[in-house]
Amino acid sequence: MVWLALASAILSETGGTLALRMASQPGGSKKWFIGVGAGYLAAFTMLTITLNGGIALGVAYGIWAAAGVALTAICSRILFGEPLTKVMMLGIAMIIGGVMAIELGAQH
């Protein structure tokens, strides 16, 4: 259940960030700020549930932040045509590796 809450936190934060991009585009509707607020409120609520469920702060925050960065970069490429270079993809792979190392280290 806590992993589902963490996944929800990641998706909510990514949605809020993408809504922020929509709101900030020239001619973009300011109504997107409702999505920004809702996304971040849901993300922090789900992250709190994750922490209350027993996942260590360093592990939960590391996974949340890293997955959010990776997912946002991929979605912004798909939705907004923003660059996603080989170097950026290498960075995403390194983030995943770092989060895995934190998770493995927390188990010992």
PDB file of N, CA and C in Angstrom:
ATOM      1  N   MET A   1       0.819  -1.202   0.000  1.00  0.00           N
ATOM      2  CA  MET A   1       0.000   0.000   0.000  1.00  0.00           C
ATOM      3  C   MET A   1       0.862   1.266   0.000  1.00  0.00           C
ATOM      4  N   VAL A   2       1.981   1.245   0.760  1.00  0.00           N
ATOM      5  CA  VAL A   2       2.827   2.439   0.805  1.00  0.00           C
ATOM      6  C   VAL A   2       3.494   2.695  -0.541  1.00  0.00           C
ATOM      7  N   TRP A   3       3.796   1.618  -1.271  1.00  0.00           N
ATOM      8  CA  TRP A   3       4.400   1.810  -2.593  1.00  0.00           C
ATOM      9  C   TRP A   3       3.399   2.401  -3.575  1.00  0.00           C
ATOM     10  N   LEU A   4       2.138   2.064  -3.421  1.00  0.00           N
ATOM     11  CA  LEU A   4       1.092   2.664  -4.246  1.00  0.00           C
ATOM     12  C   LEU A   4       0.952   4.151  -3.923  1.00  0.00           C
ATOM     13  N   ALA A   5       1.048   4.486  -2.644  1.00  0.00           N
ATOM     14  CA  ALA A   5       1.002   5.896  -2.241  1.00  0.00           C
ATOM     15  C   ALA A   5       2.190   6.650  -2.818  1.00  0.00           C
ATOM     16  N   LEU A   6       3.364   6.029  -2.807  1.00  0.00           N
ATOM     17  CA  LEU A   6       4.553   6.684  -3.376  1.00  0.00           C
ATOM     18  C   LEU A   6       4.404   6.867  -4.882  1.00  0.00           C
ATOM     19  N   ALA A   7       3.885   5.856  -5.566  1.00  0.00           N
ATOM     20  CA  ALA A   7       3.647   5.983  -7.009  1.00  0.00           C
ATOM     21  C   ALA A   7       2.638   7.098  -7.295  1.00  0.00           C
ATOM     22  N   SER A   8       1.616   7.211  -6.456  1.00  0.00           N
ATOM     23  CA  SER A   8       0.626   8.287  -6.606  1.00  0.00           C
ATOM     24  C   SER A   8       1.272   9.648  -6.384  1.00  0.00           C
ATOM     25  N   ALA A   9       2.186   9.725  -5.423  1.00  0.00           N
ATOM     26  CA  ALA A   9       2.898  10.982  -5.160  1.00  0.00           C
ATOM     27  C   ALA A   9       3.727  11.387  -6.374  1.00  0.00           C
ATOM     28  N   ILE A  10       4.382  10.428  -6.985  1.00  0.00           N
ATOM     29  CA  ILE A  10       5.206  10.703  -8.167  1.00  0.00           C
ATOM     30  C   ILE A  10       4.345  11.186  -9.329  1.00  0.00           C
ATOM     31  N   LEU A  11       3.252  10.479  -9.582  1.00  0.00           N
ATOM     32  CA  LEU A  11       2.372  10.861 -10.692  1.00  0.00           C
ATOM     33  C   LEU A  11       1.715  12.211 -10.451  1.00  0.00           C
ATOM     34  N   SER A  12       1.315  12.486  -9.209  1.00  0.00           N
ATOM     35  CA  SER A  12       0.680  13.770  -8.878  1.00  0.00           C
ATOM     36  C   SER A  12       1.655  14.923  -9.045  1.00  0.00           C
ATOM     37  N   GLU A  13       2.891  14.730  -8.587  1.00  0.00           N
ATOM     38  CA  GLU A  13       3.900  15.786  -8.713  1.00  0.00           C
ATOM     39  C   GLU A  13       4.233  16.040 -10.174  1.00  0.00           C
ATOM     40  N   THR A  14       4.325  14.982 -10.947  1.00  0.00           N
ATOM     41  CA  THR A  14       4.601  15.136 -12.371  1.00  0.00           C
ATOM     42  C   THR A  14       3.447  15.859 -13.068  1.00  0.00           C
ATOM     43  N   GLY A  15       2.235  15.489 -12.727  1.00  0.00           N
ATOM     44  CA  GLY A  15       1.070  16.173 -13.295  1.00  0.00           C
ATOM     45  C   GLY A  15       1.041  17.650 -12.934  1.00  0.00           C
ATOM     46  N   GLY A  16       1.348  17.970 -11.686  1.00  0.00           N
ATOM     47  CA  GLY A  16       1.398  19.366 -11.259  1.00  0.00           C
ATOM     48  C   GLY A  16       2.461  20.149 -12.007  1.00  0.00           C
ATOM     49  N   THR A  17       3.607  19.531 -12.214  1.00  0.00           N
ATOM     50  CA  THR A  17       4.693  20.196 -12.928  1.00  0.00           C
ATOM     51  C   THR A  17       4.337  20.404 -14.396  1.00  0.00           C
ATOM     52  N   LEU A  18       3.704  19.425 -15.020  1.00  0.00           N
ATOM     53  CA  LEU A  18       3.282  19.582 -16.413  1.00  0.00           C
ATOM     54  C   LEU A  18       2.202  20.657 -16.543  1.00  0.00           C
ATOM     55  N   ALA A  19       1.321  20.730 -15.550  1.00  0.00           N
ATOM     56  CA  ALA A  19       0.308  21.795 -15.549  1.00  0.00           C
ATOM     57  C   ALA A  19       0.972  23.165 -15.417  1.00  0.00           C
ATOM     58  N   LEU A  20       2.049  23.230 -14.648  1.00  0.00           N
ATOM     59  CA  LEU A  20       2.794  24.487 -14.508  1.00  0.00           C
ATOM     60  C   LEU A  20       3.370  24.911 -15.848  1.00  0.00           C
ATOM     61  N   ARG A  21       3.849  23.951 -16.601  1.00  0.00           N
ATOM     62  CA  ARG A  21       4.376  24.251 -17.942  1.00  0.00           C
ATOM     63  C   ARG A  21       3.263  24.771 -18.852  1.00  0.00           C
ATOM     64  N   MET A  22       2.093  24.172 -18.760  1.00  0.00           N
ATOM     65  CA  MET A  22       0.956  24.630 -19.562  1.00  0.00           C
ATOM     66  C   MET A  22       0.552  26.051 -19.180  1.00  0.00           C
ATOM     67  N   ALA A  23       0.535  26.337 -17.885  1.00  0.00           N
ATOM     68  CA  ALA A  23       0.133  27.668 -17.412  1.00  0.00           C
ATOM     69  C   ALA A  23       1.135  28.743 -17.812  1.00  0.00           C
ATOM     70  N   SER A  24       2.401  28.361 -17.953  1.00  0.00           N
ATOM     71  CA  SER A  24       3.440  29.348 -18.227  1.00  0.00           C
ATOM     72  C   SER A  24       3.683  29.594 -19.715  1.00  0.00           C
ATOM     73  N   GLN A  25       3.025  28.816 -20.570  1.00  0.00           N
ATOM     74  CA  GLN A  25       3.199  29.028 -22.005  1.00  0.00           C
ATOM     75  C   GLN A  25       2.553  30.337 -22.423  1.00  0.00           C
ATOM     76  N   PRO A  26       3.140  31.005 -23.414  1.00  0.00           N
ATOM     77  CA  PRO A  26       2.503  32.218 -23.929  1.00  0.00           C
ATOM     78  C   PRO A  26       1.077  31.905 -24.396  1.00  0.00           C
ATOM     79  N   GLY A  27       0.137  32.628 -23.882  1.00  0.00           N
ATOM     80  CA  GLY A  27      -1.256  32.415 -24.227  1.00  0.00           C
ATOM     81  C   GLY A  27      -1.886  31.267 -23.465  1.00  0.00           C
ATOM     82  N   GLY A  28      -1.120  30.658 -22.566  1.00  0.00           N
ATOM     83  CA  GLY A  28      -1.645  29.546 -21.777  1.00  0.00           C
ATOM     84  C   GLY A  28      -2.657  30.035 -20.751  1.00  0.00           C
ATOM     85  N   SER A  29      -3.652  29.244 -20.509  1.00  0.00           N
ATOM     86  CA  SER A  29      -4.700  29.604 -19.567  1.00  0.00           C
ATOM     87  C   SER A  29      -4.186  29.530 -18.133  1.00  0.00           C
ATOM     88  N   LYS A  30      -4.502  30.528 -17.366  1.00  0.00           N
ATOM     89  CA  LYS A  30      -4.107  30.543 -15.961  1.00  0.00           C
ATOM     90  C   LYS A  30      -4.900  29.524 -15.153  1.00  0.00           C
ATOM     91  N   LYS A  31      -5.929  28.940 -15.757  1.00  0.00           N
ATOM     92  CA  LYS A  31      -6.695  27.899 -15.076  1.00  0.00           C
ATOM     93  C   LYS A  31      -5.840  26.665 -14.802  1.00  0.00           C
ATOM     94  N   TRP A  32      -4.727  26.534 -15.530  1.00  0.00           N
ATOM     95  CA  TRP A  32      -3.829  25.408 -15.293  1.00  0.00           C
ATOM     96  C   TRP A  32      -3.231  25.459 -13.882  1.00  0.00           C
ATOM     97  N   PHE A  33      -3.212  26.646 -13.277  1.00  0.00           N
ATOM     98  CA  PHE A  33      -2.670  26.759 -11.913  1.00  0.00           C
ATOM     99  C   PHE A  33      -3.507  25.963 -10.910  1.00  0.00           C
ATOM    100  N   ILE A  34      -4.757  25.717 -11.226  1.00  0.00           N
ATOM    101  CA  ILE A  34      -5.580  24.844 -10.376  1.00  0.00           C
ATOM    102  C   ILE A  34      -4.978  23.435 -10.381  1.00  0.00           C
ATOM    103  N   GLY A  35      -4.577  22.974 -11.553  1.00  0.00           N
ATOM    104  CA  GLY A  35      -3.922  21.674 -11.666  1.00  0.00           C
ATOM    105  C   GLY A  35      -2.579  21.633 -10.962  1.00  0.00           C
ATOM    106  N   VAL A  36      -1.863  22.751 -11.008  1.00  0.00           N
ATOM    107  CA  VAL A  36      -0.583  22.837 -10.301  1.00  0.00           C
ATOM    108  C   VAL A  36      -0.805  22.630  -8.803  1.00  0.00           C
ATOM    109  N   GLY A  37      -1.730  23.413  -8.250  1.00  0.00           N
ATOM    110  CA  GLY A  37      -2.010  23.316  -6.813  1.00  0.00           C
ATOM    111  C   GLY A  37      -2.530  21.949  -6.417  1.00  0.00           C
ATOM    112  N   ALA A  38      -3.456  21.423  -7.209  1.00  0.00           N
ATOM    113  CA  ALA A  38      -4.027  20.108  -6.899  1.00  0.00           C
ATOM    114  C   ALA A  38      -2.962  19.021  -6.997  1.00  0.00           C
ATOM    115  N   GLY A  39      -2.111  19.105  -8.008  1.00  0.00           N
ATOM    116  CA  GLY A  39      -1.060  18.108  -8.192  1.00  0.00           C
ATOM    117  C   GLY A  39      -0.078  18.092  -7.035  1.00  0.00           C
ATOM    118  N   TYR A  40       0.375  19.279  -6.635  1.00  0.00           N
ATOM    119  CA  TYR A  40       1.347  19.341  -5.535  1.00  0.00           C
ATOM    120  C   TYR A  40       0.706  18.995  -4.194  1.00  0.00           C
ATOM    121  N   LEU A  41      -0.534  19.403  -3.983  1.00  0.00           N
ATOM    122  CA  LEU A  41      -1.221  19.042  -2.740  1.00  0.00           C
ATOM    123  C   LEU A  41      -1.384  17.521  -2.648  1.00  0.00           C
ATOM    124  N   ALA A  42      -1.799  16.907  -3.741  1.00  0.00           N
ATOM    125  CA  ALA A  42      -1.943  15.448  -3.756  1.00  0.00           C
ATOM    126  C   ALA A  42      -0.585  14.771  -3.576  1.00  0.00           C
ATOM    127  N   ALA A  43       0.456  15.314  -4.210  1.00  0.00           N
ATOM    128  CA  ALA A  43       1.788  14.717  -4.108  1.00  0.00           C
ATOM    129  C   ALA A  43       2.284  14.721  -2.667  1.00  0.00           C
ATOM    130  N   PHE A  44       2.156  15.854  -1.994  1.00  0.00           N
ATOM    131  CA  PHE A  44       2.637  15.930  -0.610  1.00  0.00           C
ATOM    132  C   PHE A  44       1.769  15.108   0.330  1.00  0.00           C
ATOM    133  N   THR A  45       0.492  15.022   0.038  1.00  0.00           N
ATOM    134  CA  THR A  45      -0.385  14.170   0.846  1.00  0.00           C
ATOM    135  C   THR A  45       0.020  12.707   0.700  1.00  0.00           C
ATOM    136  N   MET A  46       0.236  12.268  -0.525  1.00  0.00           N
ATOM    137  CA  MET A  46       0.637  10.879  -0.764  1.00  0.00           C
ATOM    138  C   MET A  46       2.032  10.590  -0.212  1.00  0.00           C
ATOM    139  N   LEU A  47       2.925  11.576  -0.283  1.00  0.00           N
ATOM    140  CA  LEU A  47       4.256  11.390   0.286  1.00  0.00           C
ATOM    141  C   LEU A  47       4.176  11.261   1.805  1.00  0.00           C
ATOM    142  N   THR A  48       3.291  12.015   2.430  1.00  0.00           N
ATOM    143  CA  THR A  48       3.079  11.896   3.872  1.00  0.00           C
ATOM    144  C   THR A  48       2.553  10.516   4.237  1.00  0.00           C
ATOM    145  N   ILE A  49       1.613  10.018   3.451  1.00  0.00           N
ATOM    146  CA  ILE A  49       1.083   8.665   3.685  1.00  0.00           C
ATOM    147  C   ILE A  49       2.202   7.631   3.532  1.00  0.00           C
ATOM    148  N   THR A  50       3.060   7.837   2.555  1.00  0.00           N
ATOM    149  CA  THR A  50       4.200   6.944   2.344  1.00  0.00           C
ATOM    150  C   THR A  50       5.103   6.925   3.570  1.00  0.00           C
ATOM    151  N   LEU A  51       5.425   8.098   4.088  1.00  0.00           N
ATOM    152  CA  LEU A  51       6.295   8.181   5.263  1.00  0.00           C
ATOM    153  C   LEU A  51       5.619   7.575   6.488  1.00  0.00           C
ATOM    154  N   ASN A  52       4.335   7.840   6.646  1.00  0.00           N
ATOM    155  CA  ASN A  52       3.594   7.248   7.764  1.00  0.00           C
ATOM    156  C   ASN A  52       3.518   5.732   7.654  1.00  0.00           C
ATOM    157  N   GLY A  53       3.628   5.212   6.434  1.00  0.00           N
ATOM    158  CA  GLY A  53       3.596   3.770   6.208  1.00  0.00           C
ATOM    159  C   GLY A  53       4.905   3.075   6.535  1.00  0.00           C
ATOM    160  N   GLY A  54       5.936   3.846   6.861  1.00  0.00           N
ATOM    161  CA  GLY A  54       7.176   3.242   7.329  1.00  0.00           C
ATOM    162  C   GLY A  54       8.365   3.309   6.400  1.00  0.00           C
ATOM    163  N   ILE A  55       8.215   3.874   5.219  1.00  0.00           N
ATOM    164  CA  ILE A  55       9.371   3.999   4.335  1.00  0.00           C
ATOM    165  C   ILE A  55      10.234   5.150   4.859  1.00  0.00           C
ATOM    166  N   ALA A  56      11.533   4.917   4.915  1.00  0.00           N
ATOM    167  CA  ALA A  56      12.462   5.931   5.419  1.00  0.00           C
ATOM    168  C   ALA A  56      12.416   7.182   4.533  1.00  0.00           C
ATOM    169  N   LEU A  57      12.610   8.326   5.146  1.00  0.00           N
ATOM    170  CA  LEU A  57      12.543   9.601   4.435  1.00  0.00           C
ATOM    171  C   LEU A  57      13.525   9.650   3.267  1.00  0.00           C
ATOM    172  N   GLY A  58      14.775   9.253   3.499  1.00  0.00           N
ATOM    173  CA  GLY A  58      15.777   9.298   2.437  1.00  0.00           C
ATOM    174  C   GLY A  58      15.406   8.437   1.250  1.00  0.00           C
ATOM    175  N   VAL A  59      14.856   7.288   1.516  1.00  0.00           N
ATOM    176  CA  VAL A  59      14.444   6.380   0.442  1.00  0.00           C
ATOM    177  C   VAL A  59      13.226   6.935  -0.287  1.00  0.00           C
ATOM    178  N   ALA A  60      12.206   7.315   0.459  1.00  0.00           N
ATOM    179  CA  ALA A  60      10.969   7.823  -0.155  1.00  0.00           C
ATOM    180  C   ALA A  60      11.228   9.092  -0.951  1.00  0.00           C
ATOM    181  N   TYR A  61      11.947  10.032  -0.359  1.00  0.00           N
ATOM    182  CA  TYR A  61      12.204  11.294  -1.051  1.00  0.00           C
ATOM    183  C   TYR A  61      13.102  11.068  -2.270  1.00  0.00           C
ATOM    184  N   GLY A  62      14.097  10.194  -2.127  1.00  0.00           N
ATOM    185  CA  GLY A  62      14.981   9.911  -3.262  1.00  0.00           C
ATOM    186  C   GLY A  62      14.231   9.331  -4.441  1.00  0.00           C
ATOM    187  N   ILE A  63      13.391   8.362  -4.167  1.00  0.00           N
ATOM    188  CA  ILE A  63      12.600   7.743  -5.242  1.00  0.00           C
ATOM    189  C   ILE A  63      11.626   8.752  -5.826  1.00  0.00           C
ATOM    190  N   TRP A  64      10.946   9.507  -4.966  1.00  0.00           N
ATOM    191  CA  TRP A  64       9.959  10.491  -5.409  1.00  0.00           C
ATOM    192  C   TRP A  64      10.606  11.547  -6.309  1.00  0.00           C
ATOM    193  N   ALA A  65      11.705  12.104  -5.847  1.00  0.00           N
ATOM    194  CA  ALA A  65      12.360  13.166  -6.603  1.00  0.00           C
ATOM    195  C   ALA A  65      12.957  12.645  -7.909  1.00  0.00           C
ATOM    196  N   ALA A  66      13.662  11.528  -7.827  1.00  0.00           N
ATOM    197  CA  ALA A  66      14.326  10.991  -9.011  1.00  0.00           C
ATOM    198  C   ALA A  66      13.323  10.540 -10.068  1.00  0.00           C
ATOM    199  N   ALA A  67      12.311   9.811  -9.635  1.00  0.00           N
ATOM    200  CA  ALA A  67      11.303   9.357 -10.588  1.00  0.00           C
ATOM    201  C   ALA A  67      10.548  10.541 -11.178  1.00  0.00           C
ATOM    202  N   GLY A  68      10.305  11.562 -10.362  1.00  0.00           N
ATOM    203  CA  GLY A  68       9.637  12.766 -10.855  1.00  0.00           C
ATOM    204  C   GLY A  68      10.445  13.469 -11.926  1.00  0.00           C
ATOM    205  N   VAL A  69      11.750  13.580 -11.709  1.00  0.00           N
ATOM    206  CA  VAL A  69      12.626  14.216 -12.698  1.00  0.00           C
ATOM    207  C   VAL A  69      12.610  13.424 -13.999  1.00  0.00           C
ATOM    208  N   ALA A  70      12.787  12.114 -13.890  1.00  0.00           N
ATOM    209  CA  ALA A  70      12.831  11.267 -15.085  1.00  0.00           C
ATOM    210  C   ALA A  70      11.502  11.297 -15.843  1.00  0.00           C
ATOM    211  N   LEU A  71      10.415  11.125 -15.128  1.00  0.00           N
ATOM    212  CA  LEU A  71       9.099  11.102 -15.770  1.00  0.00           C
ATOM    213  C   LEU A  71       8.747  12.457 -16.380  1.00  0.00           C
ATOM    214  N   THR A  72       9.095  13.533 -15.700  1.00  0.00           N
ATOM    215  CA  THR A  72       8.829  14.869 -16.236  1.00  0.00           C
ATOM    216  C   THR A  72       9.624  15.120 -17.513  1.00  0.00           C
ATOM    217  N   ALA A  73      10.875  14.695 -17.535  1.00  0.00           N
ATOM    218  CA  ALA A  73      11.700  14.878 -18.733  1.00  0.00           C
ATOM    219  C   ALA A  73      11.116  14.107 -19.917  1.00  0.00           C
ATOM    220  N   ILE A  74      10.692  12.885 -19.672  1.00  0.00           N
ATOM    221  CA  ILE A  74      10.116  12.074 -20.745  1.00  0.00           C
ATOM    222  C   ILE A  74       8.787  12.656 -21.223  1.00  0.00           C
ATOM    223  N   CYS A  75       7.931  13.031 -20.281  1.00  0.00           N
ATOM    224  CA  CYS A  75       6.622  13.597 -20.651  1.00  0.00           C
ATOM    225  C   CYS A  75       6.763  14.937 -21.355  1.00  0.00           C
ATOM    226  N   SER A  76       7.734  15.760 -20.930  1.00  0.00           N
ATOM    227  CA  SER A  76       7.899  17.061 -21.581  1.00  0.00           C
ATOM    228  C   SER A  76       8.414  16.886 -23.006  1.00  0.00           C
ATOM    229  N   ARG A  77       9.136  15.814 -23.249  1.00  0.00           N
ATOM    230  CA  ARG A  77       9.563  15.508 -24.622  1.00  0.00           C
ATOM    231  C   ARG A  77       8.349  15.153 -25.482  1.00  0.00           C
ATOM    232  N   ILE A  78       7.489  14.307 -24.925  1.00  0.00           N
ATOM    233  CA  ILE A  78       6.316  13.840 -25.667  1.00  0.00           C
ATOM    234  C   ILE A  78       5.297  14.961 -25.859  1.00  0.00           C
ATOM    235  N   LEU A  79       5.003  15.690 -24.792  1.00  0.00           N
ATOM    236  CA  LEU A  79       3.934  16.687 -24.833  1.00  0.00           C
ATOM    237  C   LEU A  79       4.347  18.032 -25.419  1.00  0.00           C
ATOM    238  N   PHE A  80       5.596  18.445 -25.163  1.00  0.00           N
ATOM    239  CA  PHE A  80       6.014  19.797 -25.545  1.00  0.00           C
ATOM    240  C   PHE A  80       7.150  19.828 -26.555  1.00  0.00           C
ATOM    241  N   GLY A  81       7.635  18.648 -26.953  1.00  0.00           N
ATOM    242  CA  GLY A  81       8.719  18.600 -27.925  1.00  0.00           C
ATOM    243  C   GLY A  81      10.042  19.120 -27.373  1.00  0.00           C
ATOM    244  N   GLU A  82      10.189  19.107 -26.052  1.00  0.00           N
ATOM    245  CA  GLU A  82      11.435  19.581 -25.454  1.00  0.00           C
ATOM    246  C   GLU A  82      12.533  18.553 -25.684  1.00  0.00           C
ATOM    247  N   PRO A  83      13.784  18.984 -25.642  1.00  0.00           N
ATOM    248  CA  PRO A  83      14.870  18.050 -25.941  1.00  0.00           C
ATOM    249  C   PRO A  83      14.998  16.932 -24.902  1.00  0.00           C
ATOM    250  N   LEU A  84      15.399  15.769 -25.379  1.00  0.00           N
ATOM    251  CA  LEU A  84      15.745  14.636 -24.525  1.00  0.00           C
ATOM    252  C   LEU A  84      16.921  13.954 -25.224  1.00  0.00           C
ATOM    253  N   THR A  85      18.110  14.452 -24.912  1.00  0.00           N
ATOM    254  CA  THR A  85      19.326  14.008 -25.594  1.00  0.00           C
ATOM    255  C   THR A  85      19.875  12.723 -24.980  1.00  0.00           C
ATOM    256  N   LYS A  86      20.873  12.158 -25.641  1.00  0.00           N
ATOM    257  CA  LYS A  86      21.530  10.967 -25.115  1.00  0.00           C
ATOM    258  C   LYS A  86      22.166  11.249 -23.758  1.00  0.00           C
ATOM    259  N   VAL A  87      22.727  12.424 -23.606  1.00  0.00           N
ATOM    260  CA  VAL A  87      23.333  12.795 -22.326  1.00  0.00           C
ATOM    261  C   VAL A  87      22.258  12.883 -21.242  1.00  0.00           C
ATOM    262  N   MET A  88      21.113  13.438 -21.580  1.00  0.00           N
ATOM    263  CA  MET A  88      20.007  13.514 -20.624  1.00  0.00           C
ATOM    264  C   MET A  88      19.512  12.117 -20.255  1.00  0.00           C
ATOM    265  N   MET A  89      19.417  11.232 -21.244  1.00  0.00           N
ATOM    266  CA  MET A  89      18.984   9.865 -20.963  1.00  0.00           C
ATOM    267  C   MET A  89      20.007   9.134 -20.090  1.00  0.00           C
ATOM    268  N   LEU A  90      21.286   9.413 -20.306  1.00  0.00           N
ATOM    269  CA  LEU A  90      22.319   8.855 -19.439  1.00  0.00           C
ATOM    270  C   LEU A  90      22.132   9.368 -18.011  1.00  0.00           C
ATOM    271  N   GLY A  91      21.812  10.633 -17.879  1.00  0.00           N
ATOM    272  CA  GLY A  91      21.545  11.209 -16.559  1.00  0.00           C
ATOM    273  C   GLY A  91      20.368  10.531 -15.880  1.00  0.00           C
ATOM    274  N   ILE A  92      19.317  10.260 -16.630  1.00  0.00           N
ATOM    275  CA  ILE A  92      18.153   9.556 -16.077  1.00  0.00           C
ATOM    276  C   ILE A  92      18.560   8.157 -15.621  1.00  0.00           C
ATOM    277  N   ALA A  93      19.374   7.481 -16.423  1.00  0.00           N
ATOM    278  CA  ALA A  93      19.845   6.143 -16.036  1.00  0.00           C
ATOM    279  C   ALA A  93      20.689   6.216 -14.766  1.00  0.00           C
ATOM    280  N   MET A  94      21.500   7.253 -14.633  1.00  0.00           N
ATOM    281  CA  MET A  94      22.319   7.417 -13.432  1.00  0.00           C
ATOM    282  C   MET A  94      21.448   7.710 -12.214  1.00  0.00           C
ATOM    283  N   ILE A  95      20.382   8.478 -12.414  1.00  0.00           N
ATOM    284  CA  ILE A  95      19.449   8.747 -11.321  1.00  0.00           C
ATOM    285  C   ILE A  95      18.820   7.438 -10.849  1.00  0.00           C
ATOM    286  N   ILE A  96      18.385   6.620 -11.798  1.00  0.00           N
ATOM    287  CA  ILE A  96      17.781   5.329 -11.448  1.00  0.00           C
ATOM    288  C   ILE A  96      18.784   4.468 -10.681  1.00  0.00           C
ATOM    289  N   GLY A  97      20.031   4.447 -11.156  1.00  0.00           N
ATOM    290  CA  GLY A  97      21.069   3.691 -10.465  1.00  0.00           C
ATOM    291  C   GLY A  97      21.322   4.214  -9.056  1.00  0.00           C
ATOM    292  N   GLY A  98      21.323   5.517  -8.907  1.00  0.00           N
ATOM    293  CA  GLY A  98      21.522   6.115  -7.588  1.00  0.00           C
ATOM    294  C   GLY A  98      20.395   5.786  -6.627  1.00  0.00           C
ATOM    295  N   VAL A  99      19.178   5.836  -7.108  1.00  0.00           N
ATOM    296  CA  VAL A  99      18.028   5.500  -6.261  1.00  0.00           C
ATOM    297  C   VAL A  99      18.081   4.022  -5.875  1.00  0.00           C
ATOM    298  N   MET A 100      18.468   3.169  -6.800  1.00  0.00           N
ATOM    299  CA  MET A 100      18.589   1.751  -6.475  1.00  0.00           C
ATOM    300  C   MET A 100      19.653   1.535  -5.405  1.00  0.00           C
ATOM    301  N   ALA A 101      20.765   2.274  -5.493  1.00  0.00           N
ATOM    302  CA  ALA A 101      21.818   2.156  -4.483  1.00  0.00           C
ATOM    303  C   ALA A 101      21.324   2.613  -3.113  1.00  0.00           C
ATOM    304  N   ILE A 102      20.542   3.688  -3.080  1.00  0.00           N
ATOM    305  CA  ILE A 102      19.982   4.159  -1.814  1.00  0.00           C
ATOM    306  C   ILE A 102      19.039   3.110  -1.229  1.00  0.00           C
ATOM    307  N   GLU A 103      18.207   2.543  -2.067  1.00  0.00           N
ATOM    308  CA  GLU A 103      17.260   1.522  -1.610  1.00  0.00           C
ATOM    309  C   GLU A 103      18.001   0.301  -1.083  1.00  0.00           C
ATOM    310  N   LEU A 104      19.007  -0.151  -1.808  1.00  0.00           N
ATOM    311  CA  LEU A 104      19.779  -1.316  -1.356  1.00  0.00           C
ATOM    312  C   LEU A 104      20.526  -1.008  -0.060  1.00  0.00           C
ATOM    313  N   GLY A 105      21.067   0.199   0.035  1.00  0.00           N
ATOM    314  CA  GLY A 105      21.771   0.594   1.249  1.00  0.00           C
ATOM    315  C   GLY A 105      20.864   0.697   2.450  1.00  0.00           C
ATOM    316  N   ALA A 106      19.639   1.068   2.237  1.00  0.00           N
ATOM    317  CA  ALA A 106      18.678   1.203   3.345  1.00  0.00           C
ATOM    318  C   ALA A 106      18.262  -0.151   3.885  1.00  0.00           C
ATOM    319  N   GLN A 107      18.407  -1.210   3.089  1.00  0.00           N
ATOM    320  CA  GLN A 107      17.998  -2.541   3.512  1.00  0.00           C
ATOM    321  C   GLN A 107      19.045  -3.205   4.406  1.00  0.00           C
ATOM    322  N   HIS A 108      20.241  -2.631   4.518  1.00  0.00           N
ATOM    323  CA  HIS A 108      21.294  -3.254   5.316  1.00  0.00           C
ATOM    324  C   HIS A 108      21.398  -2.622   6.683  1.00  0.00           C
TER     325      HIS A 108
END
